[in-house]
Amino acid sequence: MVSEILLLGGNGYLGRELTRQWRELASDTHFTILSRSGRNAINMDGVTNIAVDVTDFSAVKQVLPDQIDYVIDLIGRPEKDPSESARVNDMPAQVMQQIAEQYGALAMGFIGGKLGSKAFLQTKAKLIHQLQTSSVPLAYVEPTLVYGAGRKDSMTKMVPLLKFMGLFVQNMRPVEIESVIADLLKQLIAYGTSEKNDEN
């Protein structure tokens, strides 16, 4: 039976790496990737891209597949404006939780953080706590600066410095995207296997 995996976001380096690793582990997977643009650089069978406002549950619900086994929120970034932070960080997480609960998903996935502004880290920690109250299990990771897998932006220029600083302060040490995603995926699959066993 094909596993249906729903990604909120997924057009970036995290989503591409998650899709790649999951497909390597299990070829019987189908990915539905929801994003504002609906564009994705992933070139493989079994991937459907849909343009939709991922902060609007009613809009998202209209484009969802009938079955959802896993739902992962890959959207989020630091924002100075509290209302913009709520739109970019809180609302997609809330939509993920609604989807997971209404569709009886096996697990949800979320990316927290250990490096960034105090407000951003508090937002991520608050969302993890909120999601953990759900009836659907939550898999999550809290990386520092993530690098590799083609990520090239102003933050990755700091990797050499952070590697050095990470020798003294663990929360400064950058982490490779492959290991971050492998950790998240391991948790998701473990929850999914546990849920399926409980049903049998």
N, C-alpha and C. Protein backbone atom coordinates (compact mmCIF):
# COMPACT_ATOMS: atom_id res chain seq x y z
N MET A 1 0.85 -1.19 0.00
CA MET A 1 0.00 0.00 0.00
C MET A 1 0.89 1.25 0.00
N VAL A 2 0.58 2.19 -0.86
CA VAL A 2 1.38 3.40 -1.00
C VAL A 2 1.17 4.32 0.20
N SER A 3 2.27 4.82 0.76
CA SER A 3 2.19 5.81 1.83
C SER A 3 2.01 7.19 1.22
N GLU A 4 1.03 7.93 1.72
CA GLU A 4 0.77 9.29 1.26
C GLU A 4 1.42 10.28 2.23
N ILE A 5 2.34 11.06 1.72
CA ILE A 5 3.09 12.00 2.54
C ILE A 5 2.77 13.42 2.07
N LEU A 6 2.33 14.24 2.99
CA LEU A 6 1.97 15.62 2.69
C LEU A 6 3.02 16.55 3.28
N LEU A 7 3.61 17.39 2.43
CA LEU A 7 4.59 18.38 2.88
C LEU A 7 4.00 19.77 2.74
N LEU A 8 4.02 20.52 3.83
CA LEU A 8 3.69 21.95 3.75
C LEU A 8 5.02 22.66 3.54
N GLY A 9 5.17 23.31 2.42
CA GLY A 9 6.49 23.75 1.99
C GLY A 9 7.10 22.58 1.23
N GLY A 10 8.38 22.48 1.21
CA GLY A 10 8.99 21.33 0.52
C GLY A 10 9.70 21.71 -0.74
N ASN A 11 9.62 22.98 -1.14
CA ASN A 11 10.34 23.42 -2.34
C ASN A 11 11.81 23.71 -2.07
N GLY A 12 12.17 23.85 -0.81
CA GLY A 12 13.55 24.20 -0.46
C GLY A 12 14.43 23.00 -0.21
N TYR A 13 15.61 23.28 0.32
CA TYR A 13 16.61 22.23 0.53
C TYR A 13 16.13 21.17 1.52
N LEU A 14 15.36 21.55 2.54
CA LEU A 14 14.86 20.57 3.51
C LEU A 14 13.87 19.60 2.85
N GLY A 15 12.93 20.16 2.10
CA GLY A 15 11.93 19.33 1.45
C GLY A 15 12.53 18.41 0.40
N ARG A 16 13.48 18.92 -0.37
CA ARG A 16 14.12 18.09 -1.39
C ARG A 16 14.88 16.93 -0.74
N GLU A 17 15.57 17.22 0.34
CA GLU A 17 16.35 16.16 1.01
C GLU A 17 15.43 15.15 1.68
N LEU A 18 14.34 15.60 2.27
CA LEU A 18 13.39 14.69 2.90
C LEU A 18 12.77 13.76 1.85
N THR A 19 12.37 14.33 0.74
CA THR A 19 11.78 13.52 -0.34
C THR A 19 12.79 12.51 -0.86
N ARG A 20 14.02 12.93 -1.07
CA ARG A 20 15.07 12.03 -1.58
C ARG A 20 15.32 10.86 -0.63
N GLN A 21 15.51 11.18 0.65
CA GLN A 21 15.82 10.12 1.61
C GLN A 21 14.65 9.17 1.80
N TRP A 22 13.44 9.71 1.86
CA TRP A 22 12.26 8.86 2.08
C TRP A 22 12.07 7.93 0.90
N ARG A 23 12.25 8.45 -0.30
CA ARG A 23 12.08 7.63 -1.50
C ARG A 23 13.15 6.53 -1.54
N GLU A 24 14.35 6.81 -1.07
CA GLU A 24 15.39 5.78 -1.02
C GLU A 24 15.03 4.67 -0.05
N LEU A 25 14.37 5.02 1.04
CA LEU A 25 13.97 4.02 2.04
C LEU A 25 12.74 3.23 1.60
N ALA A 26 11.83 3.90 0.92
CA ALA A 26 10.57 3.26 0.54
C ALA A 26 10.12 3.81 -0.80
N SER A 27 10.17 2.98 -1.82
CA SER A 27 9.78 3.43 -3.16
C SER A 27 8.26 3.58 -3.30
N ASP A 28 7.49 2.90 -2.41
CA ASP A 28 6.03 2.97 -2.49
C ASP A 28 5.50 4.16 -1.68
N THR A 29 5.95 5.34 -2.08
CA THR A 29 5.52 6.57 -1.43
C THR A 29 5.04 7.56 -2.48
N HIS A 30 4.06 8.36 -2.09
CA HIS A 30 3.62 9.45 -2.94
C HIS A 30 3.66 10.73 -2.12
N PHE A 31 4.24 11.78 -2.68
CA PHE A 31 4.38 13.05 -1.99
C PHE A 31 3.47 14.10 -2.62
N THR A 32 2.69 14.75 -1.77
CA THR A 32 1.94 15.92 -2.20
C THR A 32 2.58 17.12 -1.51
N ILE A 33 3.08 18.06 -2.31
CA ILE A 33 3.80 19.21 -1.78
C ILE A 33 2.96 20.46 -2.00
N LEU A 34 2.57 21.08 -0.89
CA LEU A 34 1.75 22.28 -0.94
C LEU A 34 2.63 23.49 -0.67
N SER A 35 2.55 24.48 -1.54
CA SER A 35 3.32 25.71 -1.34
C SER A 35 2.60 26.85 -2.05
N ARG A 36 3.01 28.04 -1.70
CA ARG A 36 2.39 29.22 -2.31
C ARG A 36 2.60 29.24 -3.82
N SER A 37 3.81 28.84 -4.27
CA SER A 37 4.13 28.89 -5.70
C SER A 37 3.69 27.64 -6.45
N GLY A 38 3.71 26.48 -5.77
CA GLY A 38 3.40 25.22 -6.44
C GLY A 38 4.53 24.72 -7.32
N ARG A 39 5.68 25.40 -7.27
CA ARG A 39 6.83 24.98 -8.08
C ARG A 39 7.80 24.18 -7.23
N ASN A 40 8.40 23.16 -7.83
CA ASN A 40 9.35 22.35 -7.09
C ASN A 40 10.42 21.85 -8.04
N ALA A 41 11.66 21.81 -7.54
CA ALA A 41 12.78 21.35 -8.37
C ALA A 41 12.94 19.84 -8.35
N ILE A 42 12.09 19.14 -7.59
CA ILE A 42 12.20 17.68 -7.53
C ILE A 42 11.68 17.09 -8.83
N ASN A 43 12.52 16.29 -9.45
CA ASN A 43 12.15 15.68 -10.73
C ASN A 43 12.08 14.17 -10.55
N MET A 44 10.95 13.68 -10.06
CA MET A 44 10.76 12.25 -9.91
C MET A 44 9.27 11.92 -9.95
N ASP A 45 8.98 10.68 -10.29
CA ASP A 45 7.59 10.23 -10.29
C ASP A 45 7.07 10.20 -8.86
N GLY A 46 5.77 10.28 -8.72
CA GLY A 46 5.17 10.17 -7.39
C GLY A 46 5.25 11.44 -6.57
N VAL A 47 5.44 12.58 -7.23
CA VAL A 47 5.47 13.86 -6.53
C VAL A 47 4.45 14.79 -7.19
N THR A 48 3.50 15.29 -6.43
CA THR A 48 2.49 16.23 -6.92
C THR A 48 2.68 17.56 -6.23
N ASN A 49 2.80 18.62 -7.02
CA ASN A 49 2.96 19.97 -6.47
C ASN A 49 1.67 20.76 -6.68
N ILE A 50 1.23 21.40 -5.61
CA ILE A 50 -0.02 22.17 -5.66
C ILE A 50 0.22 23.55 -5.07
N ALA A 51 -0.21 24.58 -5.78
CA ALA A 51 -0.12 25.95 -5.29
C ALA A 51 -1.35 26.26 -4.44
N VAL A 52 -1.11 26.61 -3.18
CA VAL A 52 -2.21 26.92 -2.26
C VAL A 52 -1.64 27.71 -1.09
N ASP A 53 -2.50 28.49 -0.46
CA ASP A 53 -2.11 29.23 0.74
C ASP A 53 -2.10 28.26 1.91
N VAL A 54 -0.91 27.87 2.37
CA VAL A 54 -0.80 26.85 3.42
C VAL A 54 -1.17 27.39 4.80
N THR A 55 -1.50 28.66 4.91
CA THR A 55 -1.97 29.20 6.18
C THR A 55 -3.49 29.15 6.29
N ASP A 56 -4.16 28.73 5.22
CA ASP A 56 -5.63 28.72 5.15
C ASP A 56 -6.12 27.27 5.10
N PHE A 57 -6.60 26.76 6.23
CA PHE A 57 -7.00 25.36 6.30
C PHE A 57 -8.12 25.03 5.32
N SER A 58 -9.10 25.91 5.18
CA SER A 58 -10.22 25.62 4.27
C SER A 58 -9.74 25.51 2.82
N ALA A 59 -8.79 26.36 2.43
CA ALA A 59 -8.23 26.28 1.07
C ALA A 59 -7.41 25.02 0.89
N VAL A 60 -6.62 24.70 1.90
CA VAL A 60 -5.78 23.49 1.83
C VAL A 60 -6.65 22.24 1.74
N LYS A 61 -7.70 22.21 2.53
CA LYS A 61 -8.56 21.01 2.57
C LYS A 61 -9.14 20.68 1.21
N GLN A 62 -9.38 21.69 0.40
CA GLN A 62 -9.98 21.46 -0.92
C GLN A 62 -9.04 20.72 -1.88
N VAL A 63 -7.73 20.76 -1.62
CA VAL A 63 -6.78 20.15 -2.57
C VAL A 63 -6.10 18.90 -1.99
N LEU A 64 -6.52 18.46 -0.81
CA LEU A 64 -5.85 17.32 -0.17
C LEU A 64 -6.25 15.99 -0.81
N PRO A 65 -5.33 15.02 -0.82
CA PRO A 65 -5.70 13.68 -1.26
C PRO A 65 -6.63 13.04 -0.23
N ASP A 66 -7.28 11.95 -0.60
CA ASP A 66 -8.24 11.29 0.30
C ASP A 66 -7.55 10.69 1.52
N GLN A 67 -6.32 10.26 1.34
CA GLN A 67 -5.57 9.59 2.41
C GLN A 67 -4.31 10.40 2.72
N ILE A 68 -4.00 10.55 3.99
CA ILE A 68 -2.75 11.19 4.41
C ILE A 68 -2.17 10.37 5.55
N ASP A 69 -0.98 9.82 5.33
CA ASP A 69 -0.32 9.02 6.37
C ASP A 69 0.62 9.85 7.23
N TYR A 70 1.31 10.78 6.61
CA TYR A 70 2.24 11.64 7.34
C TYR A 70 2.07 13.06 6.81
N VAL A 71 2.19 14.03 7.72
CA VAL A 71 2.16 15.43 7.30
C VAL A 71 3.30 16.17 8.01
N ILE A 72 4.10 16.89 7.22
CA ILE A 72 5.29 17.55 7.73
C ILE A 72 5.24 19.03 7.37
N ASP A 73 5.47 19.88 8.37
CA ASP A 73 5.51 21.33 8.17
C ASP A 73 6.97 21.75 8.04
N LEU A 74 7.34 22.22 6.86
CA LEU A 74 8.72 22.67 6.58
C LEU A 74 8.79 24.18 6.40
N ILE A 75 7.76 24.89 6.83
CA ILE A 75 7.69 26.34 6.64
C ILE A 75 8.10 27.04 7.93
N GLY A 76 8.86 28.09 7.79
CA GLY A 76 9.21 28.87 8.98
C GLY A 76 10.49 29.66 8.77
N ARG A 77 10.52 30.83 9.36
CA ARG A 77 11.72 31.66 9.32
C ARG A 77 11.56 32.79 10.33
N PRO A 78 12.66 33.38 10.75
CA PRO A 78 12.57 34.50 11.69
C PRO A 78 11.88 35.70 11.04
N GLU A 79 11.02 36.34 11.79
CA GLU A 79 10.35 37.56 11.34
C GLU A 79 10.31 38.55 12.50
N LYS A 80 10.63 39.80 12.24
CA LYS A 80 10.60 40.82 13.30
C LYS A 80 9.17 41.22 13.65
N ASP A 81 8.32 41.28 12.65
CA ASP A 81 6.92 41.67 12.86
C ASP A 81 6.14 40.49 13.44
N PRO A 82 5.56 40.63 14.65
CA PRO A 82 4.83 39.50 15.27
C PRO A 82 3.71 38.93 14.40
N SER A 83 2.97 39.80 13.68
CA SER A 83 1.88 39.29 12.85
C SER A 83 2.42 38.49 11.66
N GLU A 84 3.55 38.92 11.11
CA GLU A 84 4.16 38.17 10.01
C GLU A 84 4.75 36.87 10.53
N SER A 85 5.32 36.89 11.72
CA SER A 85 5.84 35.66 12.33
C SER A 85 4.72 34.64 12.54
N ALA A 86 3.57 35.12 12.99
CA ALA A 86 2.42 34.23 13.18
C ALA A 86 1.99 33.61 11.86
N ARG A 87 1.99 34.42 10.80
CA ARG A 87 1.57 33.91 9.49
C ARG A 87 2.56 32.88 8.95
N VAL A 88 3.84 33.14 9.12
CA VAL A 88 4.87 32.28 8.54
C VAL A 88 5.18 31.05 9.39
N ASN A 89 5.06 31.19 10.70
CA ASN A 89 5.44 30.10 11.59
C ASN A 89 4.25 29.40 12.25
N ASP A 90 3.40 30.16 12.92
CA ASP A 90 2.31 29.56 13.68
C ASP A 90 1.22 28.94 12.80
N MET A 91 0.78 29.69 11.82
CA MET A 91 -0.39 29.25 11.04
C MET A 91 -0.15 27.94 10.27
N PRO A 92 1.00 27.76 9.59
CA PRO A 92 1.22 26.46 8.93
C PRO A 92 1.25 25.29 9.92
N ALA A 93 1.82 25.52 11.11
CA ALA A 93 1.87 24.46 12.12
C ALA A 93 0.45 24.10 12.58
N GLN A 94 -0.38 25.11 12.74
CA GLN A 94 -1.77 24.87 13.14
C GLN A 94 -2.54 24.14 12.05
N VAL A 95 -2.30 24.52 10.80
CA VAL A 95 -2.94 23.82 9.68
C VAL A 95 -2.49 22.36 9.64
N MET A 96 -1.18 22.12 9.86
CA MET A 96 -0.68 20.74 9.89
C MET A 96 -1.40 19.93 10.95
N GLN A 97 -1.56 20.48 12.14
CA GLN A 97 -2.21 19.75 13.22
C GLN A 97 -3.67 19.43 12.86
N GLN A 98 -4.37 20.40 12.28
CA GLN A 98 -5.75 20.16 11.88
C GLN A 98 -5.84 19.04 10.85
N ILE A 99 -4.96 19.08 9.87
CA ILE A 99 -4.95 18.03 8.83
C ILE A 99 -4.67 16.67 9.46
N ALA A 100 -3.62 16.61 10.28
CA ALA A 100 -3.22 15.33 10.88
C ALA A 100 -4.35 14.72 11.70
N GLU A 101 -5.03 15.55 12.47
CA GLU A 101 -6.10 15.03 13.33
C GLU A 101 -7.33 14.64 12.52
N GLN A 102 -7.71 15.45 11.55
CA GLN A 102 -8.91 15.14 10.78
C GLN A 102 -8.73 13.95 9.85
N TYR A 103 -7.49 13.74 9.37
CA TYR A 103 -7.24 12.64 8.43
C TYR A 103 -6.66 11.41 9.11
N GLY A 104 -6.48 11.46 10.42
CA GLY A 104 -5.96 10.30 11.14
C GLY A 104 -4.55 9.93 10.71
N ALA A 105 -3.70 10.93 10.56
CA ALA A 105 -2.32 10.66 10.13
C ALA A 105 -1.59 9.83 11.18
N LEU A 106 -0.59 9.09 10.73
CA LEU A 106 0.22 8.27 11.64
C LEU A 106 1.17 9.14 12.45
N ALA A 107 1.65 10.24 11.87
CA ALA A 107 2.57 11.13 12.57
C ALA A 107 2.67 12.47 11.85
N MET A 108 3.10 13.48 12.63
CA MET A 108 3.41 14.80 12.09
C MET A 108 4.92 15.01 12.21
N GLY A 109 5.46 15.91 11.36
CA GLY A 109 6.88 16.25 11.44
C GLY A 109 7.07 17.75 11.48
N PHE A 110 8.09 18.20 12.25
CA PHE A 110 8.29 19.63 12.44
C PHE A 110 9.77 19.92 12.63
N ILE A 111 10.21 21.09 12.14
CA ILE A 111 11.59 21.54 12.30
C ILE A 111 11.61 22.68 13.31
N GLY A 112 12.24 22.45 14.45
CA GLY A 112 12.44 23.50 15.44
C GLY A 112 13.77 24.18 15.19
N GLY A 113 14.39 24.68 16.25
CA GLY A 113 15.68 25.34 16.07
C GLY A 113 16.40 25.57 17.38
N LYS A 114 17.72 25.65 17.29
CA LYS A 114 18.57 25.93 18.45
C LYS A 114 19.43 27.17 18.23
N LEU A 115 19.33 27.76 17.05
CA LEU A 115 20.16 28.91 16.75
C LEU A 115 19.31 29.96 16.06
N GLY A 116 19.34 31.18 16.57
CA GLY A 116 18.55 32.25 15.98
C GLY A 116 18.16 33.26 17.03
N SER A 117 17.29 34.18 16.67
CA SER A 117 16.85 35.19 17.62
C SER A 117 16.04 34.55 18.74
N LYS A 118 16.03 35.20 19.88
CA LYS A 118 15.28 34.68 21.03
C LYS A 118 13.80 34.51 20.69
N ALA A 119 13.23 35.49 20.00
CA ALA A 119 11.81 35.44 19.65
C ALA A 119 11.52 34.25 18.73
N PHE A 120 12.41 34.01 17.75
CA PHE A 120 12.20 32.90 16.82
C PHE A 120 12.28 31.56 17.55
N LEU A 121 13.28 31.39 18.41
CA LEU A 121 13.44 30.14 19.14
C LEU A 121 12.28 29.91 20.10
N GLN A 122 11.78 30.99 20.71
CA GLN A 122 10.61 30.85 21.59
C GLN A 122 9.38 30.43 20.80
N THR A 123 9.23 31.01 19.61
CA THR A 123 8.10 30.64 18.75
C THR A 123 8.15 29.16 18.39
N LYS A 124 9.33 28.69 17.97
CA LYS A 124 9.48 27.29 17.59
C LYS A 124 9.21 26.37 18.79
N ALA A 125 9.75 26.72 19.96
CA ALA A 125 9.55 25.90 21.16
C ALA A 125 8.07 25.86 21.55
N LYS A 126 7.39 27.00 21.44
CA LYS A 126 5.96 27.08 21.75
C LYS A 126 5.15 26.18 20.81
N LEU A 127 5.50 26.20 19.52
CA LEU A 127 4.79 25.38 18.54
C LEU A 127 5.01 23.89 18.79
N ILE A 128 6.23 23.51 19.13
CA ILE A 128 6.50 22.10 19.45
C ILE A 128 5.64 21.67 20.63
N HIS A 129 5.59 22.49 21.66
CA HIS A 129 4.77 22.17 22.85
C HIS A 129 3.30 22.02 22.46
N GLN A 130 2.81 22.95 21.63
CA GLN A 130 1.41 22.90 21.18
C GLN A 130 1.14 21.62 20.38
N LEU A 131 2.03 21.30 19.46
CA LEU A 131 1.83 20.12 18.61
C LEU A 131 1.89 18.82 19.42
N GLN A 132 2.66 18.83 20.50
CA GLN A 132 2.77 17.63 21.32
C GLN A 132 1.49 17.33 22.09
N THR A 133 0.57 18.29 22.15
CA THR A 133 -0.71 18.05 22.82
C THR A 133 -1.70 17.31 21.91
N SER A 134 -1.34 17.16 20.64
CA SER A 134 -2.22 16.51 19.67
C SER A 134 -2.33 15.01 19.92
N SER A 135 -3.40 14.43 19.43
CA SER A 135 -3.55 12.97 19.48
C SER A 135 -2.64 12.29 18.47
N VAL A 136 -2.12 13.05 17.52
CA VAL A 136 -1.21 12.50 16.50
C VAL A 136 0.23 12.71 16.99
N PRO A 137 1.06 11.67 16.99
CA PRO A 137 2.44 11.81 17.47
C PRO A 137 3.23 12.82 16.64
N LEU A 138 4.15 13.52 17.33
CA LEU A 138 4.99 14.52 16.68
C LEU A 138 6.44 14.08 16.65
N ALA A 139 7.01 14.05 15.45
CA ALA A 139 8.46 13.88 15.28
C ALA A 139 9.04 15.26 15.01
N TYR A 140 10.12 15.60 15.71
CA TYR A 140 10.71 16.92 15.48
C TYR A 140 12.20 16.90 15.70
N VAL A 141 12.87 17.85 15.08
CA VAL A 141 14.30 18.05 15.26
C VAL A 141 14.51 19.53 15.57
N GLU A 142 15.59 19.83 16.29
CA GLU A 142 15.91 21.21 16.65
C GLU A 142 17.37 21.47 16.30
N PRO A 143 17.66 21.66 15.02
CA PRO A 143 19.05 21.86 14.61
C PRO A 143 19.55 23.28 14.86
N THR A 144 20.85 23.43 14.78
CA THR A 144 21.46 24.76 14.74
C THR A 144 21.41 25.20 13.27
N LEU A 145 22.47 25.75 12.75
CA LEU A 145 22.51 26.11 11.34
C LEU A 145 22.66 24.85 10.49
N VAL A 146 21.75 24.69 9.53
CA VAL A 146 21.76 23.52 8.66
C VAL A 146 22.48 23.88 7.36
N TYR A 147 23.39 23.01 6.93
CA TYR A 147 24.11 23.29 5.69
C TYR A 147 24.23 22.01 4.87
N GLY A 148 24.60 22.19 3.58
CA GLY A 148 24.75 21.06 2.67
C GLY A 148 23.56 20.94 1.74
N ALA A 149 23.60 19.91 0.89
CA ALA A 149 22.51 19.61 -0.05
C ALA A 149 22.14 20.80 -0.92
N GLY A 150 23.16 21.57 -1.30
CA GLY A 150 22.91 22.66 -2.23
C GLY A 150 22.45 23.96 -1.61
N ARG A 151 22.39 24.02 -0.27
CA ARG A 151 21.97 25.28 0.35
C ARG A 151 23.07 26.33 0.19
N LYS A 152 22.71 27.44 -0.41
CA LYS A 152 23.66 28.54 -0.60
C LYS A 152 22.93 29.85 -0.33
N ASP A 153 23.19 30.41 0.84
CA ASP A 153 22.62 31.71 1.17
C ASP A 153 23.58 32.41 2.13
N SER A 154 23.17 33.55 2.63
CA SER A 154 24.07 34.32 3.50
C SER A 154 24.42 33.57 4.78
N MET A 155 23.51 32.74 5.26
CA MET A 155 23.77 32.00 6.50
C MET A 155 24.86 30.95 6.33
N THR A 156 24.90 30.28 5.17
CA THR A 156 25.89 29.22 5.00
C THR A 156 27.31 29.76 4.91
N LYS A 157 27.44 31.05 4.65
CA LYS A 157 28.79 31.65 4.68
C LYS A 157 29.37 31.63 6.08
N MET A 158 28.53 31.46 7.08
CA MET A 158 28.98 31.44 8.47
C MET A 158 29.41 30.05 8.93
N VAL A 159 29.24 29.03 8.08
CA VAL A 159 29.52 27.65 8.50
C VAL A 159 30.95 27.48 9.03
N PRO A 160 32.00 27.95 8.33
CA PRO A 160 33.36 27.75 8.87
C PRO A 160 33.54 28.36 10.26
N LEU A 161 33.02 29.57 10.45
CA LEU A 161 33.14 30.22 11.76
C LEU A 161 32.38 29.43 12.83
N LEU A 162 31.16 28.99 12.48
CA LEU A 162 30.36 28.26 13.46
C LEU A 162 30.95 26.89 13.77
N LYS A 163 31.60 26.27 12.79
CA LYS A 163 32.28 25.00 13.07
C LYS A 163 33.36 25.21 14.13
N PHE A 164 34.10 26.30 13.99
CA PHE A 164 35.15 26.59 14.98
C PHE A 164 34.52 26.89 16.34
N MET A 165 33.52 27.77 16.36
CA MET A 165 32.88 28.12 17.62
C MET A 165 32.19 26.92 18.26
N GLY A 166 31.71 26.01 17.39
CA GLY A 166 31.04 24.81 17.88
C GLY A 166 31.95 23.87 18.65
N LEU A 167 33.25 24.05 18.50
CA LEU A 167 34.19 23.26 19.31
C LEU A 167 34.06 23.61 20.78
N PHE A 168 33.58 24.81 21.07
CA PHE A 168 33.49 25.28 22.45
C PHE A 168 32.04 25.39 22.94
N VAL A 169 31.13 25.67 22.01
CA VAL A 169 29.71 25.83 22.37
C VAL A 169 28.89 24.94 21.43
N GLN A 170 28.34 23.87 21.98
CA GLN A 170 27.65 22.88 21.14
C GLN A 170 26.48 23.48 20.36
N ASN A 171 25.76 24.42 20.96
CA ASN A 171 24.60 25.01 20.28
C ASN A 171 24.99 25.92 19.13
N MET A 172 26.29 26.11 18.91
CA MET A 172 26.76 26.90 17.77
C MET A 172 27.20 26.01 16.61
N ARG A 173 27.35 24.73 16.86
CA ARG A 173 27.91 23.83 15.86
C ARG A 173 26.91 23.59 14.72
N PRO A 174 27.27 23.90 13.48
CA PRO A 174 26.36 23.65 12.36
C PRO A 174 26.21 22.16 12.10
N VAL A 175 25.10 21.78 11.49
CA VAL A 175 24.82 20.36 11.24
C VAL A 175 24.48 20.16 9.77
N GLU A 176 24.88 19.02 9.24
CA GLU A 176 24.59 18.71 7.84
C GLU A 176 23.13 18.33 7.67
N ILE A 177 22.56 18.82 6.60
CA ILE A 177 21.15 18.58 6.34
C ILE A 177 20.81 17.09 6.27
N GLU A 178 21.74 16.29 5.73
CA GLU A 178 21.48 14.86 5.61
C GLU A 178 21.20 14.22 6.96
N SER A 179 21.96 14.62 7.98
CA SER A 179 21.77 14.01 9.30
C SER A 179 20.51 14.55 9.99
N VAL A 180 20.19 15.82 9.78
CA VAL A 180 18.97 16.39 10.35
C VAL A 180 17.74 15.67 9.81
N ILE A 181 17.70 15.52 8.49
CA ILE A 181 16.55 14.86 7.86
C ILE A 181 16.51 13.38 8.20
N ALA A 182 17.65 12.73 8.28
CA ALA A 182 17.69 11.31 8.65
C ALA A 182 17.10 11.11 10.04
N ASP A 183 17.40 12.02 10.96
CA ASP A 183 16.86 11.94 12.32
C ASP A 183 15.34 12.12 12.31
N LEU A 184 14.86 13.13 11.60
CA LEU A 184 13.42 13.37 11.52
C LEU A 184 12.71 12.18 10.88
N LEU A 185 13.26 11.67 9.82
CA LEU A 185 12.66 10.55 9.10
C LEU A 185 12.60 9.29 9.96
N LYS A 186 13.67 9.05 10.70
CA LYS A 186 13.70 7.89 11.60
C LYS A 186 12.56 7.95 12.62
N GLN A 187 12.36 9.13 13.17
CA GLN A 187 11.27 9.30 14.14
C GLN A 187 9.90 9.10 13.49
N LEU A 188 9.71 9.70 12.32
CA LEU A 188 8.43 9.59 11.63
C LEU A 188 8.07 8.14 11.34
N ILE A 189 9.03 7.41 10.80
CA ILE A 189 8.79 6.01 10.44
C ILE A 189 8.55 5.16 11.68
N ALA A 190 9.28 5.46 12.76
CA ALA A 190 9.07 4.72 14.01
C ALA A 190 7.66 4.94 14.54
N TYR A 191 7.19 6.18 14.51
CA TYR A 191 5.82 6.46 14.95
C TYR A 191 4.81 5.77 14.04
N GLY A 192 5.06 5.83 12.73
CA GLY A 192 4.15 5.20 11.78
C GLY A 192 4.07 3.70 11.97
N THR A 193 5.20 3.06 12.20
CA THR A 193 5.24 1.61 12.43
C THR A 193 4.51 1.27 13.71
N SER A 194 4.72 2.07 14.76
CA SER A 194 4.07 1.84 16.05
C SER A 194 2.56 1.97 15.93
N GLU A 195 2.11 3.00 15.22
CA GLU A 195 0.67 3.22 15.06
C GLU A 195 0.02 2.08 14.28
N LYS A 196 0.71 1.63 13.23
CA LYS A 196 0.16 0.51 12.43
C LYS A 196 0.08 -0.76 13.25
N ASN A 197 1.10 -1.00 14.09
CA ASN A 197 1.11 -2.20 14.95
C ASN A 197 -0.02 -2.14 15.96
N ASP A 198 -0.31 -0.94 16.48
CA ASP A 198 -1.39 -0.78 17.45
C ASP A 198 -2.75 -1.08 16.83
N GLU A 199 -2.87 -0.81 15.51
CA GLU A 199 -4.14 -1.05 14.82
C GLU A 199 -4.37 -2.52 14.56
N ASN A 200 -3.29 -3.31 14.46
CA ASN A 200 -3.41 -4.74 14.15
C ASN A 200 -3.67 -5.58 15.39
